[in-house]
Amino acid sequence: MLIVIGSVVRAVKSHSSGKKPNFDPKPQKSRNDSSYQFILIFGIWDDLKPLRARYKFGIQVLAAILVSVAGYRFTGISFGISDTYLNLGWFSWPLTILWIVGIINAINLIDGVDGLSGSVSIIILLSYSLVYFYYGNTHAATLSLLLVAAILGFLVFNFPAPQAKIFMGDTGSQFLGFFIALIPLMETPSLGYSRISLPYAAALTLIPIFDTFAAIWL
């Protein structure tokens, strides 16, 4: 799983080093690097020596804040064929942080059965890639497919048929959740905002979201 993570970090760093119209790419790249490192390092730590829930939550919030400061936020919500766009203003900050932390934990919680988290993630990422290819954001679409290919290689050894040989752990599931939350925030430069609006991003991740609510209340 660490090989998968390394490949993804390299791809996303190449994305974040590109020029953006609204902010300086250098601090953006630094903050992105820090957020990846936080999730990775504390995921490994949690696998070796389980952390208390409040510490994990704090690290996830910090990583989400760093990503938001770097410019990856739901700045607005579009409403399909009506071509209506609602500017979120300052509310984009707490909403984006809630989204990132929520998806990290949703993918982490669904990793209770061998192969389940990886399989669900593939479905989500394939959906992301189709949307982004349609709107011309080839980098985000390619990154989604890169993750799909990496997960498929991992599932060969993680699928319970007849028995899993390796496990994803918190390192893999939290890192995977982090990127599933981050990819919808990768804007199409010509449009200036994400083409996967929050309602549609949430619809594509309904399975882990519903599973999280079921784990909490049922």
N, C-alpha and C. Protein backbone atom coordinates (compact mmCIF):
# COMPACT_ATOMS: atom_id res chain seq x y z
N MET A 1 0.82 -1.21 0.00
CA MET A 1 0.00 0.00 0.00
C MET A 1 0.85 1.26 0.00
N LEU A 2 2.05 1.20 0.58
CA LEU A 2 2.94 2.36 0.58
C LEU A 2 3.41 2.71 -0.82
N ILE A 3 3.56 1.69 -1.70
CA ILE A 3 3.92 1.94 -3.10
C ILE A 3 2.80 2.71 -3.79
N VAL A 4 1.56 2.30 -3.52
CA VAL A 4 0.39 3.00 -4.06
C VAL A 4 0.40 4.46 -3.61
N ILE A 5 0.63 4.68 -2.33
CA ILE A 5 0.62 6.03 -1.77
C ILE A 5 1.71 6.89 -2.41
N GLY A 6 2.90 6.31 -2.59
CA GLY A 6 3.99 7.06 -3.21
C GLY A 6 3.66 7.50 -4.62
N SER A 7 3.04 6.63 -5.39
CA SER A 7 2.67 6.97 -6.77
C SER A 7 1.65 8.09 -6.80
N VAL A 8 0.68 8.04 -5.89
CA VAL A 8 -0.37 9.05 -5.86
C VAL A 8 0.19 10.40 -5.44
N VAL A 9 1.04 10.41 -4.41
CA VAL A 9 1.65 11.67 -3.96
C VAL A 9 2.42 12.33 -5.09
N ARG A 10 3.17 11.55 -5.84
CA ARG A 10 3.95 12.08 -6.97
C ARG A 10 3.03 12.72 -8.01
N ALA A 11 1.92 12.05 -8.30
CA ALA A 11 0.99 12.58 -9.30
C ALA A 11 0.34 13.87 -8.83
N VAL A 12 -0.08 13.90 -7.57
CA VAL A 12 -0.78 15.09 -7.07
C VAL A 12 0.17 16.26 -6.89
N LYS A 13 1.43 15.99 -6.54
CA LYS A 13 2.40 17.06 -6.41
C LYS A 13 2.64 17.73 -7.76
N SER A 14 2.58 16.95 -8.84
CA SER A 14 2.74 17.54 -10.16
C SER A 14 1.56 18.42 -10.50
N HIS A 15 0.35 18.05 -9.98
CA HIS A 15 -0.83 18.88 -10.19
C HIS A 15 -0.73 20.18 -9.42
N SER A 16 -0.31 20.08 -8.14
CA SER A 16 -0.30 21.27 -7.29
C SER A 16 0.83 22.22 -7.62
N SER A 17 1.83 21.77 -8.39
CA SER A 17 2.91 22.66 -8.78
C SER A 17 2.56 23.49 -10.00
N GLY A 18 1.42 23.18 -10.65
CA GLY A 18 1.00 23.95 -11.80
C GLY A 18 0.49 25.31 -11.40
N LYS A 19 0.36 26.24 -12.38
CA LYS A 19 -0.05 27.60 -12.07
C LYS A 19 -1.55 27.66 -11.86
N LYS A 20 -1.94 28.40 -10.84
CA LYS A 20 -3.34 28.60 -10.54
C LYS A 20 -3.66 30.09 -10.67
N PRO A 21 -4.88 30.43 -11.06
CA PRO A 21 -5.18 31.82 -11.28
C PRO A 21 -5.37 32.61 -10.00
N ASN A 22 -5.73 32.00 -8.90
CA ASN A 22 -6.16 32.74 -7.73
C ASN A 22 -5.19 32.69 -6.56
N PHE A 23 -4.14 31.90 -6.62
CA PHE A 23 -3.21 31.83 -5.51
C PHE A 23 -1.84 31.36 -5.97
N ASP A 24 -0.84 31.68 -5.15
CA ASP A 24 0.55 31.36 -5.46
C ASP A 24 0.79 29.87 -5.32
N PRO A 25 1.33 29.17 -6.35
CA PRO A 25 1.49 27.72 -6.30
C PRO A 25 2.51 27.24 -5.28
N LYS A 26 3.49 28.09 -4.90
CA LYS A 26 4.52 27.62 -3.98
C LYS A 26 4.00 27.32 -2.59
N PRO A 27 3.28 28.26 -1.92
CA PRO A 27 2.70 27.88 -0.63
C PRO A 27 1.64 26.82 -0.75
N GLN A 28 0.94 26.77 -1.90
CA GLN A 28 -0.06 25.73 -2.11
C GLN A 28 0.60 24.36 -2.09
N LYS A 29 1.73 24.22 -2.81
CA LYS A 29 2.43 22.95 -2.87
C LYS A 29 2.94 22.54 -1.49
N SER A 30 3.46 23.51 -0.72
CA SER A 30 3.97 23.23 0.61
C SER A 30 2.87 22.73 1.54
N ARG A 31 1.72 23.37 1.49
CA ARG A 31 0.60 22.96 2.35
C ARG A 31 0.06 21.60 1.94
N ASN A 32 0.00 21.35 0.63
CA ASN A 32 -0.45 20.04 0.17
C ASN A 32 0.49 18.94 0.63
N ASP A 33 1.80 19.19 0.50
CA ASP A 33 2.79 18.20 0.94
C ASP A 33 2.61 17.90 2.43
N SER A 34 2.39 18.94 3.22
CA SER A 34 2.22 18.76 4.66
C SER A 34 0.97 17.93 4.97
N SER A 35 -0.11 18.18 4.24
CA SER A 35 -1.34 17.43 4.51
C SER A 35 -1.18 15.96 4.17
N TYR A 36 -0.51 15.64 3.04
CA TYR A 36 -0.26 14.24 2.69
C TYR A 36 0.58 13.56 3.77
N GLN A 37 1.59 14.30 4.22
CA GLN A 37 2.51 13.73 5.20
C GLN A 37 1.82 13.47 6.53
N PHE A 38 0.94 14.39 6.95
CA PHE A 38 0.21 14.20 8.19
C PHE A 38 -0.63 12.92 8.13
N ILE A 39 -1.38 12.78 7.05
CA ILE A 39 -2.26 11.60 6.92
C ILE A 39 -1.43 10.32 6.86
N LEU A 40 -0.34 10.33 6.10
CA LEU A 40 0.49 9.14 5.94
C LEU A 40 1.20 8.76 7.24
N ILE A 41 1.89 9.73 7.86
CA ILE A 41 2.69 9.44 9.05
C ILE A 41 1.81 8.95 10.20
N PHE A 42 0.71 9.66 10.44
CA PHE A 42 -0.13 9.26 11.57
C PHE A 42 -0.97 8.02 11.25
N GLY A 43 -1.17 7.73 9.95
CA GLY A 43 -1.81 6.47 9.60
C GLY A 43 -0.90 5.29 9.94
N ILE A 44 0.38 5.43 9.61
CA ILE A 44 1.35 4.39 9.97
C ILE A 44 1.44 4.24 11.49
N TRP A 45 1.49 5.39 12.18
CA TRP A 45 1.56 5.37 13.64
C TRP A 45 0.35 4.65 14.23
N ASP A 46 -0.83 4.94 13.67
CA ASP A 46 -2.06 4.34 14.18
C ASP A 46 -2.08 2.83 13.96
N ASP A 47 -1.48 2.36 12.85
CA ASP A 47 -1.40 0.93 12.61
C ASP A 47 -0.45 0.24 13.58
N LEU A 48 0.64 0.93 13.90
CA LEU A 48 1.63 0.34 14.81
C LEU A 48 1.21 0.45 16.28
N LYS A 49 0.66 1.60 16.63
CA LYS A 49 0.22 1.84 17.99
C LYS A 49 -1.04 2.70 17.93
N PRO A 50 -2.23 2.08 18.09
CA PRO A 50 -3.49 2.80 17.90
C PRO A 50 -3.57 4.12 18.67
N LEU A 51 -3.98 5.16 17.93
CA LEU A 51 -4.15 6.48 18.52
C LEU A 51 -5.56 6.63 19.07
N ARG A 52 -5.73 7.51 20.05
CA ARG A 52 -7.06 7.83 20.54
C ARG A 52 -7.83 8.57 19.45
N ALA A 53 -9.15 8.42 19.49
CA ALA A 53 -10.00 8.99 18.44
C ALA A 53 -9.83 10.50 18.31
N ARG A 54 -9.69 11.19 19.43
CA ARG A 54 -9.59 12.66 19.36
C ARG A 54 -8.29 13.11 18.70
N TYR A 55 -7.22 12.33 18.86
CA TYR A 55 -5.96 12.67 18.21
C TYR A 55 -6.06 12.45 16.70
N LYS A 56 -6.67 11.33 16.30
CA LYS A 56 -6.88 11.06 14.88
C LYS A 56 -7.74 12.15 14.25
N PHE A 57 -8.79 12.52 14.96
CA PHE A 57 -9.69 13.56 14.45
C PHE A 57 -8.95 14.89 14.29
N GLY A 58 -8.12 15.23 15.26
CA GLY A 58 -7.36 16.47 15.19
C GLY A 58 -6.41 16.50 14.01
N ILE A 59 -5.74 15.39 13.74
CA ILE A 59 -4.83 15.31 12.59
C ILE A 59 -5.61 15.44 11.28
N GLN A 60 -6.75 14.81 11.20
CA GLN A 60 -7.57 14.89 9.99
C GLN A 60 -8.06 16.32 9.75
N VAL A 61 -8.48 16.99 10.81
CA VAL A 61 -8.93 18.38 10.68
C VAL A 61 -7.78 19.27 10.24
N LEU A 62 -6.60 19.06 10.80
CA LEU A 62 -5.44 19.86 10.42
C LEU A 62 -5.09 19.66 8.95
N ALA A 63 -5.10 18.42 8.49
CA ALA A 63 -4.83 18.14 7.07
C ALA A 63 -5.88 18.80 6.18
N ALA A 64 -7.15 18.75 6.61
CA ALA A 64 -8.22 19.37 5.83
C ALA A 64 -8.06 20.89 5.77
N ILE A 65 -7.63 21.49 6.88
CA ILE A 65 -7.41 22.94 6.90
C ILE A 65 -6.28 23.33 5.95
N LEU A 66 -5.20 22.56 5.96
CA LEU A 66 -4.07 22.85 5.07
C LEU A 66 -4.49 22.78 3.61
N VAL A 67 -5.29 21.77 3.27
CA VAL A 67 -5.78 21.63 1.89
C VAL A 67 -6.69 22.80 1.54
N SER A 68 -7.55 23.20 2.47
CA SER A 68 -8.47 24.32 2.22
C SER A 68 -7.72 25.62 2.02
N VAL A 69 -6.70 25.85 2.85
CA VAL A 69 -5.88 27.06 2.71
C VAL A 69 -5.16 27.08 1.36
N ALA A 70 -4.79 25.89 0.87
CA ALA A 70 -4.12 25.79 -0.43
C ALA A 70 -5.04 26.09 -1.60
N GLY A 71 -6.33 26.23 -1.34
CA GLY A 71 -7.26 26.60 -2.40
C GLY A 71 -8.22 25.53 -2.84
N TYR A 72 -8.13 24.33 -2.26
CA TYR A 72 -9.04 23.24 -2.62
C TYR A 72 -10.28 23.33 -1.72
N ARG A 73 -11.31 24.01 -2.22
CA ARG A 73 -12.54 24.19 -1.43
C ARG A 73 -13.75 24.13 -2.35
N PHE A 74 -14.89 23.75 -1.77
CA PHE A 74 -16.16 23.89 -2.47
C PHE A 74 -16.58 25.35 -2.36
N THR A 75 -16.15 26.18 -3.31
CA THR A 75 -16.46 27.60 -3.25
C THR A 75 -17.90 27.89 -3.65
N GLY A 76 -18.53 26.94 -4.30
CA GLY A 76 -19.92 27.12 -4.70
C GLY A 76 -20.56 25.79 -5.02
N ILE A 77 -21.86 25.80 -5.20
CA ILE A 77 -22.62 24.60 -5.52
C ILE A 77 -23.42 24.86 -6.79
N SER A 78 -23.27 23.99 -7.79
CA SER A 78 -24.04 24.10 -9.02
C SER A 78 -25.21 23.13 -8.97
N PHE A 79 -26.26 23.46 -9.71
CA PHE A 79 -27.49 22.68 -9.65
C PHE A 79 -27.89 22.16 -11.02
N GLY A 80 -27.02 21.35 -11.60
CA GLY A 80 -27.34 20.58 -12.80
C GLY A 80 -27.81 21.40 -13.98
N ILE A 81 -28.90 20.92 -14.60
CA ILE A 81 -29.36 21.49 -15.87
C ILE A 81 -29.87 22.91 -15.74
N SER A 82 -30.19 23.37 -14.52
CA SER A 82 -30.67 24.74 -14.35
C SER A 82 -29.55 25.76 -14.51
N ASP A 83 -28.30 25.31 -14.51
CA ASP A 83 -27.14 26.18 -14.67
C ASP A 83 -27.07 27.26 -13.59
N THR A 84 -27.63 26.95 -12.43
CA THR A 84 -27.60 27.86 -11.28
C THR A 84 -26.36 27.58 -10.46
N TYR A 85 -25.70 28.64 -10.01
CA TYR A 85 -24.49 28.50 -9.21
C TYR A 85 -24.62 29.32 -7.95
N LEU A 86 -24.53 28.65 -6.78
CA LEU A 86 -24.65 29.31 -5.49
C LEU A 86 -23.27 29.49 -4.89
N ASN A 87 -22.86 30.74 -4.69
CA ASN A 87 -21.57 31.04 -4.08
C ASN A 87 -21.67 30.84 -2.57
N LEU A 88 -20.77 30.03 -2.02
CA LEU A 88 -20.85 29.68 -0.60
C LEU A 88 -20.18 30.71 0.31
N GLY A 89 -19.31 31.55 -0.24
CA GLY A 89 -18.65 32.55 0.59
C GLY A 89 -17.79 31.91 1.68
N TRP A 90 -17.86 32.48 2.90
CA TRP A 90 -17.05 31.97 4.01
C TRP A 90 -17.46 30.56 4.42
N PHE A 91 -18.71 30.15 4.09
CA PHE A 91 -19.19 28.83 4.49
C PHE A 91 -18.46 27.71 3.74
N SER A 92 -17.73 28.07 2.69
CA SER A 92 -16.96 27.05 1.96
C SER A 92 -15.89 26.41 2.85
N TRP A 93 -15.36 27.16 3.83
CA TRP A 93 -14.32 26.63 4.70
C TRP A 93 -14.81 25.50 5.59
N PRO A 94 -15.81 25.73 6.47
CA PRO A 94 -16.26 24.61 7.32
C PRO A 94 -16.88 23.46 6.52
N LEU A 95 -17.53 23.78 5.40
CA LEU A 95 -18.16 22.73 4.60
C LEU A 95 -17.10 21.82 3.98
N THR A 96 -16.02 22.41 3.46
CA THR A 96 -14.95 21.61 2.86
C THR A 96 -14.24 20.77 3.90
N ILE A 97 -13.96 21.36 5.07
CA ILE A 97 -13.30 20.61 6.14
C ILE A 97 -14.17 19.44 6.59
N LEU A 98 -15.47 19.69 6.74
CA LEU A 98 -16.40 18.62 7.11
C LEU A 98 -16.41 17.53 6.06
N TRP A 99 -16.40 17.90 4.79
CA TRP A 99 -16.40 16.93 3.69
C TRP A 99 -15.15 16.05 3.74
N ILE A 100 -13.97 16.67 3.86
CA ILE A 100 -12.72 15.91 3.84
C ILE A 100 -12.64 14.96 5.03
N VAL A 101 -12.90 15.47 6.24
CA VAL A 101 -12.82 14.64 7.43
C VAL A 101 -13.87 13.53 7.38
N GLY A 102 -15.06 13.86 6.90
CA GLY A 102 -16.13 12.87 6.81
C GLY A 102 -15.80 11.73 5.87
N ILE A 103 -15.27 12.05 4.69
CA ILE A 103 -14.94 11.00 3.71
C ILE A 103 -13.76 10.17 4.17
N ILE A 104 -12.77 10.79 4.80
CA ILE A 104 -11.64 10.02 5.36
C ILE A 104 -12.17 8.94 6.30
N ASN A 105 -13.05 9.32 7.21
CA ASN A 105 -13.58 8.38 8.19
C ASN A 105 -14.56 7.38 7.57
N ALA A 106 -15.30 7.82 6.53
CA ALA A 106 -16.24 6.92 5.87
C ALA A 106 -15.50 5.77 5.18
N ILE A 107 -14.42 6.09 4.46
CA ILE A 107 -13.63 5.04 3.80
C ILE A 107 -12.92 4.19 4.84
N ASN A 108 -12.49 4.79 5.91
CA ASN A 108 -11.82 4.04 6.98
C ASN A 108 -12.77 3.06 7.65
N LEU A 109 -14.00 3.50 7.93
CA LEU A 109 -14.97 2.64 8.62
C LEU A 109 -15.46 1.49 7.75
N ILE A 110 -15.52 1.72 6.43
CA ILE A 110 -16.04 0.66 5.56
C ILE A 110 -15.01 -0.44 5.33
N ASP A 111 -13.79 -0.22 5.81
CA ASP A 111 -12.71 -1.19 5.63
C ASP A 111 -12.78 -2.29 6.70
N GLY A 112 -13.98 -2.79 6.94
CA GLY A 112 -14.15 -3.85 7.94
C GLY A 112 -14.12 -5.24 7.35
N VAL A 113 -14.22 -5.33 6.03
CA VAL A 113 -14.21 -6.62 5.33
C VAL A 113 -13.14 -6.54 4.24
N ASP A 114 -12.36 -7.58 4.11
CA ASP A 114 -11.29 -7.58 3.10
C ASP A 114 -11.85 -7.31 1.71
N GLY A 115 -11.25 -6.38 1.02
CA GLY A 115 -11.63 -6.07 -0.35
C GLY A 115 -12.77 -5.08 -0.50
N LEU A 116 -13.51 -4.79 0.58
CA LEU A 116 -14.70 -3.94 0.46
C LEU A 116 -14.33 -2.48 0.21
N SER A 117 -13.44 -1.94 1.02
CA SER A 117 -13.06 -0.53 0.86
C SER A 117 -12.44 -0.28 -0.50
N GLY A 118 -11.56 -1.16 -0.93
CA GLY A 118 -10.93 -1.00 -2.24
C GLY A 118 -11.92 -1.08 -3.37
N SER A 119 -12.87 -2.02 -3.29
CA SER A 119 -13.86 -2.20 -4.36
C SER A 119 -14.79 -1.01 -4.47
N VAL A 120 -15.27 -0.52 -3.33
CA VAL A 120 -16.14 0.66 -3.32
C VAL A 120 -15.38 1.88 -3.84
N SER A 121 -14.12 2.01 -3.45
CA SER A 121 -13.32 3.14 -3.90
C SER A 121 -13.13 3.13 -5.41
N ILE A 122 -12.98 1.94 -6.00
CA ILE A 122 -12.83 1.84 -7.45
C ILE A 122 -14.07 2.37 -8.16
N ILE A 123 -15.24 2.01 -7.65
CA ILE A 123 -16.50 2.49 -8.26
C ILE A 123 -16.57 4.02 -8.20
N ILE A 124 -16.23 4.58 -7.05
CA ILE A 124 -16.25 6.04 -6.89
C ILE A 124 -15.26 6.70 -7.83
N LEU A 125 -14.04 6.19 -7.89
CA LEU A 125 -12.99 6.80 -8.70
C LEU A 125 -13.28 6.70 -10.19
N LEU A 126 -13.85 5.58 -10.62
CA LEU A 126 -14.24 5.46 -12.03
C LEU A 126 -15.31 6.49 -12.39
N SER A 127 -16.22 6.74 -11.47
CA SER A 127 -17.25 7.77 -11.68
C SER A 127 -16.61 9.15 -11.78
N TYR A 128 -15.66 9.44 -10.87
CA TYR A 128 -14.93 10.71 -10.95
C TYR A 128 -14.26 10.88 -12.31
N SER A 129 -13.59 9.83 -12.77
CA SER A 129 -12.84 9.92 -14.02
C SER A 129 -13.76 10.21 -15.20
N LEU A 130 -14.93 9.60 -15.23
CA LEU A 130 -15.88 9.85 -16.32
C LEU A 130 -16.34 11.30 -16.33
N VAL A 131 -16.66 11.83 -15.14
CA VAL A 131 -17.10 13.22 -15.05
C VAL A 131 -16.00 14.17 -15.50
N TYR A 132 -14.79 13.94 -15.02
CA TYR A 132 -13.70 14.85 -15.34
C TYR A 132 -13.27 14.75 -16.81
N PHE A 133 -13.29 13.57 -17.39
CA PHE A 133 -13.00 13.45 -18.81
C PHE A 133 -14.05 14.21 -19.63
N TYR A 134 -15.28 14.14 -19.19
CA TYR A 134 -16.37 14.83 -19.90
C TYR A 134 -16.15 16.34 -19.90
N TYR A 135 -15.67 16.88 -18.77
CA TYR A 135 -15.47 18.32 -18.66
C TYR A 135 -14.06 18.77 -19.01
N GLY A 136 -13.21 17.86 -19.46
CA GLY A 136 -11.91 18.25 -19.97
C GLY A 136 -10.81 18.39 -18.96
N ASN A 137 -11.07 18.01 -17.71
CA ASN A 137 -10.01 18.07 -16.69
C ASN A 137 -9.27 16.73 -16.71
N THR A 138 -8.35 16.60 -17.65
CA THR A 138 -7.69 15.31 -17.87
C THR A 138 -6.76 14.93 -16.73
N HIS A 139 -6.22 15.94 -16.02
CA HIS A 139 -5.30 15.59 -14.93
C HIS A 139 -6.05 14.90 -13.79
N ALA A 140 -7.19 15.47 -13.37
CA ALA A 140 -7.96 14.86 -12.30
C ALA A 140 -8.50 13.50 -12.74
N ALA A 141 -8.91 13.39 -14.01
CA ALA A 141 -9.40 12.11 -14.52
C ALA A 141 -8.29 11.07 -14.53
N THR A 142 -7.09 11.48 -14.96
CA THR A 142 -5.96 10.54 -14.99
C THR A 142 -5.56 10.11 -13.59
N LEU A 143 -5.58 11.05 -12.64
CA LEU A 143 -5.27 10.71 -11.26
C LEU A 143 -6.26 9.69 -10.71
N SER A 144 -7.54 9.86 -11.04
CA SER A 144 -8.56 8.90 -10.60
C SER A 144 -8.26 7.51 -11.15
N LEU A 145 -7.90 7.44 -12.43
CA LEU A 145 -7.60 6.15 -13.05
C LEU A 145 -6.30 5.56 -12.50
N LEU A 146 -5.35 6.41 -12.16
CA LEU A 146 -4.12 5.94 -11.53
C LEU A 146 -4.42 5.25 -10.20
N LEU A 147 -5.30 5.86 -9.42
CA LEU A 147 -5.71 5.25 -8.15
C LEU A 147 -6.44 3.94 -8.38
N VAL A 148 -7.30 3.89 -9.40
CA VAL A 148 -8.02 2.65 -9.72
C VAL A 148 -7.03 1.54 -10.04
N ALA A 149 -6.04 1.83 -10.89
CA ALA A 149 -5.04 0.82 -11.26
C ALA A 149 -4.25 0.35 -10.03
N ALA A 150 -3.90 1.30 -9.17
CA ALA A 150 -3.13 0.95 -7.97
C ALA A 150 -3.95 0.07 -7.03
N ILE A 151 -5.23 0.41 -6.87
CA ILE A 151 -6.10 -0.37 -5.97
C ILE A 151 -6.32 -1.77 -6.53
N LEU A 152 -6.46 -1.88 -7.86
CA LEU A 152 -6.63 -3.21 -8.47
C LEU A 152 -5.42 -4.10 -8.18
N GLY A 153 -4.23 -3.51 -8.27
CA GLY A 153 -3.03 -4.28 -7.93
C GLY A 153 -3.02 -4.70 -6.47
N PHE A 154 -3.53 -3.84 -5.62
CA PHE A 154 -3.60 -4.16 -4.19
C PHE A 154 -4.66 -5.22 -3.91
N LEU A 155 -5.80 -5.15 -4.60
CA LEU A 155 -6.90 -6.09 -4.35
C LEU A 155 -6.53 -7.53 -4.72
N VAL A 156 -5.57 -7.69 -5.61
CA VAL A 156 -5.12 -9.05 -5.94
C VAL A 156 -4.70 -9.80 -4.68
N PHE A 157 -4.11 -9.08 -3.74
CA PHE A 157 -3.62 -9.68 -2.51
C PHE A 157 -4.54 -9.44 -1.31
N ASN A 158 -5.49 -8.51 -1.46
CA ASN A 158 -6.38 -8.16 -0.35
C ASN A 158 -7.75 -8.82 -0.46
N PHE A 159 -8.07 -9.35 -1.65
CA PHE A 159 -9.41 -9.91 -1.84
C PHE A 159 -9.53 -11.24 -1.09
N PRO A 160 -10.65 -11.42 -0.36
CA PRO A 160 -10.80 -12.64 0.46
C PRO A 160 -11.20 -13.86 -0.35
N ALA A 161 -10.36 -14.29 -1.26
CA ALA A 161 -10.67 -15.46 -2.09
C ALA A 161 -9.39 -16.25 -2.33
N PRO A 162 -9.08 -17.26 -1.54
CA PRO A 162 -9.86 -17.68 -0.36
C PRO A 162 -9.52 -16.89 0.92
N GLN A 163 -8.33 -16.24 0.94
CA GLN A 163 -7.93 -15.53 2.15
C GLN A 163 -7.00 -14.38 1.78
N ALA A 164 -7.23 -13.20 2.40
CA ALA A 164 -6.40 -12.04 2.11
C ALA A 164 -4.98 -12.26 2.62
N LYS A 165 -4.02 -11.84 1.81
CA LYS A 165 -2.61 -11.97 2.18
C LYS A 165 -2.06 -10.70 2.82
N ILE A 166 -2.61 -9.55 2.44
CA ILE A 166 -2.21 -8.28 3.02
C ILE A 166 -3.45 -7.48 3.37
N PHE A 167 -3.28 -6.46 4.20
CA PHE A 167 -4.41 -5.67 4.68
C PHE A 167 -4.14 -4.19 4.44
N MET A 168 -5.20 -3.43 4.24
CA MET A 168 -5.07 -2.01 3.95
C MET A 168 -4.64 -1.23 5.18
N GLY A 169 -5.26 -1.49 6.30
CA GLY A 169 -4.92 -0.79 7.53
C GLY A 169 -5.36 0.66 7.50
N ASP A 170 -5.13 1.37 8.60
CA ASP A 170 -5.50 2.78 8.67
C ASP A 170 -4.63 3.63 7.74
N THR A 171 -3.39 3.20 7.52
CA THR A 171 -2.52 3.94 6.60
C THR A 171 -3.16 4.04 5.22
N GLY A 172 -3.60 2.91 4.69
CA GLY A 172 -4.19 2.88 3.36
C GLY A 172 -5.57 3.48 3.30
N SER A 173 -6.45 3.12 4.25
CA SER A 173 -7.84 3.55 4.18
C SER A 173 -7.98 5.06 4.40
N GLN A 174 -7.20 5.63 5.34
CA GLN A 174 -7.29 7.07 5.57
C GLN A 174 -6.69 7.85 4.40
N PHE A 175 -5.58 7.35 3.86
CA PHE A 175 -4.97 8.02 2.72
C PHE A 175 -5.88 7.94 1.50
N LEU A 176 -6.49 6.80 1.28
CA LEU A 176 -7.42 6.64 0.16
C LEU A 176 -8.63 7.55 0.34
N GLY A 177 -9.18 7.59 1.55
CA GLY A 177 -10.30 8.47 1.83
C GLY A 177 -9.95 9.94 1.62
N PHE A 178 -8.73 10.30 2.00
CA PHE A 178 -8.26 11.67 1.82
C PHE A 178 -8.29 12.06 0.35
N PHE A 179 -7.81 11.19 -0.52
CA PHE A 179 -7.76 11.52 -1.94
C PHE A 179 -9.13 11.43 -2.60
N ILE A 180 -9.98 10.54 -2.13
CA ILE A 180 -11.35 10.50 -2.67
C ILE A 180 -12.08 11.79 -2.32
N ALA A 181 -11.78 12.36 -1.15
CA ALA A 181 -12.37 13.64 -0.77
C ALA A 181 -11.74 14.80 -1.55
N LEU A 182 -10.46 14.68 -1.87
CA LEU A 182 -9.73 15.78 -2.52
C LEU A 182 -10.00 15.89 -4.01
N ILE A 183 -10.17 14.78 -4.70
CA ILE A 183 -10.29 14.81 -6.16
C ILE A 183 -11.46 15.67 -6.64
N PRO A 184 -12.66 15.64 -6.02
CA PRO A 184 -13.74 16.53 -6.50
C PRO A 184 -13.41 18.01 -6.35
N LEU A 185 -12.41 18.34 -5.55
CA LEU A 185 -12.04 19.74 -5.33
C LEU A 185 -11.03 20.25 -6.35
N MET A 186 -10.57 19.37 -7.24
CA MET A 186 -9.62 19.78 -8.28
C MET A 186 -10.38 20.46 -9.39
N GLU A 187 -10.20 21.77 -9.47
CA GLU A 187 -10.99 22.57 -10.39
C GLU A 187 -10.57 22.37 -11.84
N THR A 188 -11.48 22.68 -12.74
CA THR A 188 -11.17 22.78 -14.15
C THR A 188 -10.70 24.21 -14.39
N PRO A 189 -9.41 24.44 -14.72
CA PRO A 189 -8.86 25.80 -14.77
C PRO A 189 -9.67 26.76 -15.63
N SER A 190 -10.21 26.30 -16.75
CA SER A 190 -10.94 27.20 -17.64
C SER A 190 -12.26 27.66 -17.04
N LEU A 191 -12.76 26.91 -16.05
CA LEU A 191 -14.04 27.25 -15.44
C LEU A 191 -13.88 27.93 -14.09
N GLY A 192 -12.77 27.67 -13.40
CA GLY A 192 -12.50 28.35 -12.15
C GLY A 192 -13.11 27.71 -10.92
N TYR A 193 -13.85 26.62 -11.08
CA TYR A 193 -14.38 25.93 -9.91
C TYR A 193 -14.58 24.47 -10.25
N SER A 194 -14.78 23.68 -9.21
CA SER A 194 -14.89 22.23 -9.40
C SER A 194 -16.14 21.89 -10.19
N ARG A 195 -15.98 20.99 -11.17
CA ARG A 195 -17.14 20.55 -11.93
C ARG A 195 -17.88 19.41 -11.25
N ILE A 196 -17.27 18.82 -10.22
CA ILE A 196 -18.03 17.86 -9.42
C ILE A 196 -18.54 18.62 -8.21
N SER A 197 -19.73 19.14 -8.31
CA SER A 197 -20.32 19.92 -7.23
C SER A 197 -20.59 19.02 -6.02
N LEU A 198 -20.68 19.63 -4.86
CA LEU A 198 -20.84 18.87 -3.62
C LEU A 198 -22.00 17.88 -3.65
N PRO A 199 -23.20 18.25 -4.12
CA PRO A 199 -24.28 17.25 -4.14
C PRO A 199 -23.95 16.00 -4.96
N TYR A 200 -23.24 16.19 -6.09
CA TYR A 200 -22.91 15.06 -6.95
C TYR A 200 -21.74 14.26 -6.37
N ALA A 201 -20.78 14.96 -5.77
CA ALA A 201 -19.68 14.26 -5.10
C ALA A 201 -20.23 13.40 -3.96
N ALA A 202 -21.19 13.95 -3.22
CA ALA A 202 -21.81 13.19 -2.14
C ALA A 202 -22.60 12.00 -2.68
N ALA A 203 -23.28 12.20 -3.82
CA ALA A 203 -24.04 11.10 -4.43
C ALA A 203 -23.13 9.96 -4.85
N LEU A 204 -21.94 10.30 -5.36
CA LEU A 204 -20.99 9.27 -5.81
C LEU A 204 -20.36 8.52 -4.64
N THR A 205 -20.44 9.08 -3.45
CA THR A 205 -19.85 8.44 -2.26
C THR A 205 -20.92 8.02 -1.26
N LEU A 206 -22.13 7.78 -1.74
CA LEU A 206 -23.24 7.46 -0.83
C LEU A 206 -23.03 6.17 -0.05
N ILE A 207 -22.40 5.17 -0.66
CA ILE A 207 -22.25 3.88 0.03
C ILE A 207 -21.43 4.04 1.31
N PRO A 208 -20.22 4.60 1.26
CA PRO A 208 -19.49 4.78 2.52
C PRO A 208 -20.15 5.78 3.46
N ILE A 209 -20.84 6.79 2.91
CA ILE A 209 -21.53 7.75 3.77
C ILE A 209 -22.66 7.08 4.54
N PHE A 210 -23.49 6.31 3.85
CA PHE A 210 -24.58 5.59 4.52
C PHE A 210 -24.04 4.57 5.51
N ASP A 211 -22.94 3.91 5.16
CA ASP A 211 -22.34 2.93 6.06
C ASP A 211 -21.87 3.60 7.33
N THR A 212 -21.33 4.82 7.23
CA THR A 212 -20.88 5.55 8.41
C THR A 212 -22.05 5.91 9.31
N PHE A 213 -23.14 6.42 8.73
CA PHE A 213 -24.31 6.75 9.54
C PHE A 213 -24.89 5.50 10.19
N ALA A 214 -24.87 4.38 9.47
CA ALA A 214 -25.37 3.13 10.04
C ALA A 214 -24.51 2.68 11.21
N ALA A 215 -23.19 2.85 11.08
CA ALA A 215 -22.28 2.44 12.16
C ALA A 215 -22.47 3.30 13.40
N ILE A 216 -22.88 4.58 13.19
CA ILE A 216 -23.04 5.48 14.33
C ILE A 216 -24.37 5.29 15.04
N TRP A 217 -25.44 5.15 14.26
CA TRP A 217 -26.78 5.17 14.86
C TRP A 217 -27.48 3.82 14.96
N LEU A 218 -27.01 2.82 14.25
CA LEU A 218 -27.71 1.53 14.29
C LEU A 218 -27.01 0.55 15.21
